[in-house]
């Protein structure tokens, strides 16, 4: 309830007083609006397309029908070159989210970060690496923040 009730954008639309369906719709609307703000601030997120009732439509992050993996699924060794590259991308994204979109991701974890092929990401951060963009593993991937329901 505090997720919606505490947001000034929803003043006068009490979450707790809404029906279950109404709560789902408010939650989806907030997720969509947060994605729009993040996207406009050039944060790497799935591009929001539309919100209808309790559904949020966004760009699919993956290839050939397979979703991009979550960071937790990769089993990267902390301190490895690829780990450092993705860490840098996440830090740039989090800073941009806060400074430009005025949002804080309330549930940022390795489950809510996708590692996508860079060419699929509208707001990829080409400058987050160490300058060696020819490195196949680093230059071809982009960390993407997802699940803004807690933002």
C-alpha atoms as a PDB file:
ATOM      1  CA  UNK A   1       0.000   0.000   0.000  1.00  0.00           C
ATOM      2  CA  UNK A   2       2.755   2.470   0.890  1.00  0.00           C
ATOM      3  CA  UNK A   3       4.215   1.843  -2.558  1.00  0.00           C
ATOM      4  CA  UNK A   4       1.334   3.738  -4.173  1.00  0.00           C
ATOM      5  CA  UNK A   5      -0.139   5.706  -1.247  1.00  0.00           C
ATOM      6  CA  UNK A   6       3.222   7.367  -0.487  1.00  0.00           C
ATOM      7  CA  UNK A   7       3.727   8.559  -4.074  1.00  0.00           C
ATOM      8  CA  UNK A   8       2.575  12.158  -4.653  1.00  0.00           C
ATOM      9  CA  UNK A   9       1.647  11.234  -8.240  1.00  0.00           C
ATOM     10  CA  UNK A  10      -1.190   9.140  -6.765  1.00  0.00           C
ATOM     11  CA  UNK A  11      -2.467  11.601  -4.163  1.00  0.00           C
ATOM     12  CA  UNK A  12      -6.192  11.127  -3.761  1.00  0.00           C
ATOM     13  CA  UNK A  13      -6.162   7.586  -5.203  1.00  0.00           C
ATOM     14  CA  UNK A  14      -5.887   5.442  -2.086  1.00  0.00           C
ATOM     15  CA  UNK A  15      -4.445   2.035  -2.824  1.00  0.00           C
ATOM     16  CA  UNK A  16      -5.865   0.382   0.303  1.00  0.00           C
ATOM     17  CA  UNK A  17      -9.386   1.558  -0.521  1.00  0.00           C
ATOM     18  CA  UNK A  18      -9.252   0.120  -4.051  1.00  0.00           C
ATOM     19  CA  UNK A  19     -10.582  -3.279  -5.061  1.00  0.00           C
ATOM     20  CA  UNK A  20      -8.045  -6.029  -5.751  1.00  0.00           C
ATOM     21  CA  UNK A  21      -8.376  -5.345  -9.483  1.00  0.00           C
ATOM     22  CA  UNK A  22      -7.989  -1.622  -8.837  1.00  0.00           C
ATOM     23  CA  UNK A  23      -4.844  -2.259  -6.799  1.00  0.00           C
ATOM     24  CA  UNK A  24      -3.355  -4.331  -9.625  1.00  0.00           C
ATOM     25  CA  UNK A  25      -4.169  -1.574 -12.105  1.00  0.00           C
ATOM     26  CA  UNK A  26      -2.574   1.118  -9.917  1.00  0.00           C
ATOM     27  CA  UNK A  27       0.519  -1.081  -9.455  1.00  0.00           C
ATOM     28  CA  UNK A  28       0.826  -1.615 -13.222  1.00  0.00           C
ATOM     29  CA  UNK A  29       0.297   2.085 -13.917  1.00  0.00           C
ATOM     30  CA  UNK A  30       3.053   3.013 -11.488  1.00  0.00           C
ATOM     31  CA  UNK A  31       5.425   0.413 -12.957  1.00  0.00           C
ATOM     32  CA  UNK A  32       4.727   1.805 -16.438  1.00  0.00           C
ATOM     33  CA  UNK A  33       5.221   5.421 -15.375  1.00  0.00           C
ATOM     34  CA  UNK A  34       8.477   4.534 -13.600  1.00  0.00           C
ATOM     35  CA  UNK A  35       9.714   2.765 -16.740  1.00  0.00           C
ATOM     36  CA  UNK A  36       8.795   5.831 -18.820  1.00  0.00           C
ATOM     37  CA  UNK A  37      10.726   8.129 -16.483  1.00  0.00           C
ATOM     38  CA  UNK A  38      13.726   5.805 -16.458  1.00  0.00           C
ATOM     39  CA  UNK A  39      13.653   5.459 -20.241  1.00  0.00           C
ATOM     40  CA  UNK A  40      13.423   9.233 -20.730  1.00  0.00           C
ATOM     41  CA  UNK A  41      16.424   9.615 -18.394  1.00  0.00           C
ATOM     42  CA  UNK A  42      18.399   7.217 -20.627  1.00  0.00           C
ATOM     43  CA  UNK A  43      18.520   4.443 -18.021  1.00  0.00           C
ATOM     44  CA  UNK A  44      18.907   1.009 -19.648  1.00  0.00           C
ATOM     45  CA  UNK A  45      15.449  -0.498 -19.107  1.00  0.00           C
ATOM     46  CA  UNK A  46      13.069  -2.408 -21.375  1.00  0.00           C
ATOM     47  CA  UNK A  47      11.343   0.257 -23.472  1.00  0.00           C
ATOM     48  CA  UNK A  48       7.800   0.716 -22.133  1.00  0.00           C
ATOM     49  CA  UNK A  49       5.169   0.404 -24.850  1.00  0.00           C
ATOM     50  CA  UNK A  50       1.749   0.546 -23.192  1.00  0.00           C
ATOM     51  CA  UNK A  51      -0.118  -0.010 -19.948  1.00  0.00           C
ATOM     52  CA  UNK A  52      -3.631  -1.394 -20.100  1.00  0.00           C
ATOM     53  CA  UNK A  53      -5.569  -2.352 -16.985  1.00  0.00           C
ATOM     54  CA  UNK A  54      -3.193  -4.527 -14.928  1.00  0.00           C
ATOM     55  CA  UNK A  55      -0.754  -5.208 -17.789  1.00  0.00           C
ATOM     56  CA  UNK A  56       2.478  -3.469 -18.742  1.00  0.00           C
ATOM     57  CA  UNK A  57       3.723  -4.041 -22.277  1.00  0.00           C
ATOM     58  CA  UNK A  58       7.414  -3.470 -22.883  1.00  0.00           C
ATOM     59  CA  UNK A  59      10.101  -4.404 -25.355  1.00  0.00           C
ATOM     60  CA  UNK A  60      11.201  -8.039 -25.124  1.00  0.00           C
ATOM     61  CA  UNK A  61      14.781  -8.311 -23.909  1.00  0.00           C
ATOM     62  CA  UNK A  62      16.201 -11.419 -25.522  1.00  0.00           C
ATOM     63  CA  UNK A  63      16.792 -13.105 -28.830  1.00  0.00           C
ATOM     64  CA  UNK A  64      15.123 -15.852 -30.840  1.00  0.00           C
ATOM     65  CA  UNK A  65      12.294 -16.129 -28.311  1.00  0.00           C
ATOM     66  CA  UNK A  66      14.653 -16.652 -25.356  1.00  0.00           C
ATOM     67  CA  UNK A  67      14.782 -14.030 -22.611  1.00  0.00           C
ATOM     68  CA  UNK A  68      18.089 -12.444 -21.662  1.00  0.00           C
ATOM     69  CA  UNK A  69      19.515 -14.068 -18.521  1.00  0.00           C
ATOM     70  CA  UNK A  70      19.301 -12.508 -15.098  1.00  0.00           C
ATOM     71  CA  UNK A  71      22.660 -11.504 -13.657  1.00  0.00           C
ATOM     72  CA  UNK A  72      22.324 -14.250 -11.030  1.00  0.00           C
ATOM     73  CA  UNK A  73      22.128 -16.905 -13.753  1.00  0.00           C
ATOM     74  CA  UNK A  74      25.540 -16.078 -15.220  1.00  0.00           C
ATOM     75  CA  UNK A  75      27.715 -17.230 -12.335  1.00  0.00           C
ATOM     76  CA  UNK A  76      30.296 -14.507 -12.940  1.00  0.00           C
ATOM     77  CA  UNK A  77      33.404 -14.485 -10.794  1.00  0.00           C
ATOM     78  CA  UNK A  78      33.563 -11.317  -8.718  1.00  0.00           C
ATOM     79  CA  UNK A  79      36.358  -9.126  -9.986  1.00  0.00           C
ATOM     80  CA  UNK A  80      36.500 -10.745 -13.427  1.00  0.00           C
ATOM     81  CA  UNK A  81      36.644  -8.416 -16.424  1.00  0.00           C
ATOM     82  CA  UNK A  82      33.026  -9.096 -17.413  1.00  0.00           C
ATOM     83  CA  UNK A  83      31.814  -8.715 -13.793  1.00  0.00           C
ATOM     84  CA  UNK A  84      33.646  -5.377 -13.516  1.00  0.00           C
ATOM     85  CA  UNK A  85      32.186  -4.197 -16.819  1.00  0.00           C
ATOM     86  CA  UNK A  86      28.615  -5.053 -15.777  1.00  0.00           C
ATOM     87  CA  UNK A  87      29.146  -3.586 -12.289  1.00  0.00           C
ATOM     88  CA  UNK A  88      30.220  -0.315 -13.887  1.00  0.00           C
ATOM     89  CA  UNK A  89      27.140  -0.324 -16.127  1.00  0.00           C
ATOM     90  CA  UNK A  90      24.839  -0.944 -13.150  1.00  0.00           C
ATOM     91  CA  UNK A  91      26.414   1.888 -11.144  1.00  0.00           C
ATOM     92  CA  UNK A  92      26.013   4.307 -14.075  1.00  0.00           C
ATOM     93  CA  UNK A  93      22.381   3.182 -14.475  1.00  0.00           C
ATOM     94  CA  UNK A  94      21.590   3.561 -10.753  1.00  0.00           C
ATOM     95  CA  UNK A  95      23.136   7.029 -10.657  1.00  0.00           C
ATOM     96  CA  UNK A  96      21.246   8.103 -13.781  1.00  0.00           C
ATOM     97  CA  UNK A  97      18.033   6.650 -12.319  1.00  0.00           C
ATOM     98  CA  UNK A  98      18.448   8.746  -9.177  1.00  0.00           C
ATOM     99  CA  UNK A  99      19.859  11.964 -10.632  1.00  0.00           C
ATOM    100  CA  UNK A 100      17.911  12.217 -13.885  1.00  0.00           C
ATOM    101  CA  UNK A 101      14.708  10.235 -13.259  1.00  0.00           C
ATOM    102  CA  UNK A 102      14.499  11.048  -9.524  1.00  0.00           C
ATOM    103  CA  UNK A 103      13.775   7.395  -8.757  1.00  0.00           C
ATOM    104  CA  UNK A 104      15.372   4.856  -6.444  1.00  0.00           C
ATOM    105  CA  UNK A 105      15.040   1.191  -7.391  1.00  0.00           C
ATOM    106  CA  UNK A 106      13.646  -0.343  -4.211  1.00  0.00           C
ATOM    107  CA  UNK A 107      14.516  -3.942  -5.091  1.00  0.00           C
ATOM    108  CA  UNK A 108      17.806  -3.844  -6.998  1.00  0.00           C
ATOM    109  CA  UNK A 109      19.323  -7.305  -6.916  1.00  0.00           C
ATOM    110  CA  UNK A 110      20.974  -9.779  -9.242  1.00  0.00           C
ATOM    111  CA  UNK A 111      17.455 -11.045  -9.999  1.00  0.00           C
ATOM    112  CA  UNK A 112      16.336  -7.630 -11.287  1.00  0.00           C
ATOM    113  CA  UNK A 113      19.236  -7.068 -13.667  1.00  0.00           C
ATOM    114  CA  UNK A 114      19.190  -8.653 -17.112  1.00  0.00           C
ATOM    115  CA  UNK A 115      22.352  -9.083 -19.160  1.00  0.00           C
ATOM    116  CA  UNK A 116      21.217  -8.341 -22.703  1.00  0.00           C
ATOM    117  CA  UNK A 117      22.844  -8.225 -26.090  1.00  0.00           C
ATOM    118  CA  UNK A 118      23.849  -4.559 -26.332  1.00  0.00           C
ATOM    119  CA  UNK A 119      22.221  -4.027 -29.720  1.00  0.00           C
ATOM    120  CA  UNK A 120      18.783  -4.662 -28.166  1.00  0.00           C
ATOM    121  CA  UNK A 121      19.119  -1.936 -25.542  1.00  0.00           C
ATOM    122  CA  UNK A 122      17.877   1.509 -26.515  1.00  0.00           C
ATOM    123  CA  UNK A 123      19.737   3.313 -23.706  1.00  0.00           C
ATOM    124  CA  UNK A 124      22.917   1.285 -23.559  1.00  0.00           C
ATOM    125  CA  UNK A 125      25.866   2.831 -21.807  1.00  0.00           C
ATOM    126  CA  UNK A 126      28.638   2.678 -24.372  1.00  0.00           C
ATOM    127  CA  UNK A 127      31.023   4.563 -22.100  1.00  0.00           C
ATOM    128  CA  UNK A 128      30.839   2.320 -19.033  1.00  0.00           C
ATOM    129  CA  UNK A 129      33.639  -0.013 -20.027  1.00  0.00           C
ATOM    130  CA  UNK A 130      37.388   0.336 -19.925  1.00  0.00           C
ATOM    131  CA  UNK A 131      37.537   1.477 -23.538  1.00  0.00           C
ATOM    132  CA  UNK A 132      38.158  -2.013 -24.917  1.00  0.00           C
ATOM    133  CA  UNK A 133      34.824  -2.387 -26.660  1.00  0.00           C
ATOM    134  CA  UNK A 134      36.295  -4.956 -29.041  1.00  0.00           C
ATOM    135  CA  UNK A 135      36.253  -7.504 -26.230  1.00  0.00           C
ATOM    136  CA  UNK A 136      33.471  -9.835 -27.379  1.00  0.00           C
ATOM    137  CA  UNK A 137      32.026 -10.556 -23.926  1.00  0.00           C
ATOM    138  CA  UNK A 138      32.121  -6.996 -22.608  1.00  0.00           C
ATOM    139  CA  UNK A 139      31.285  -4.859 -25.618  1.00  0.00           C
ATOM    140  CA  UNK A 140      28.367  -7.015 -26.656  1.00  0.00           C
ATOM    141  CA  UNK A 141      26.411  -6.999 -23.383  1.00  0.00           C
ATOM    142  CA  UNK A 142      24.487  -4.403 -21.412  1.00  0.00           C
ATOM    143  CA  UNK A 143      23.062  -4.575 -17.896  1.00  0.00           C
ATOM    144  CA  UNK A 144      19.337  -3.712 -17.967  1.00  0.00           C
ATOM    145  CA  UNK A 145      17.337  -2.812 -14.848  1.00  0.00           C
ATOM    146  CA  UNK A 146      13.928  -4.447 -14.488  1.00  0.00           C
ATOM    147  CA  UNK A 147      11.062  -4.719 -11.987  1.00  0.00           C
ATOM    148  CA  UNK A 148      10.499  -1.144 -10.926  1.00  0.00           C
ATOM    149  CA  UNK A 149       7.465  -2.008  -8.832  1.00  0.00           C
ATOM    150  CA  UNK A 150       9.311  -0.891  -5.699  1.00  0.00           C
ATOM    151  CA  UNK A 151      10.827   2.300  -7.155  1.00  0.00           C
END
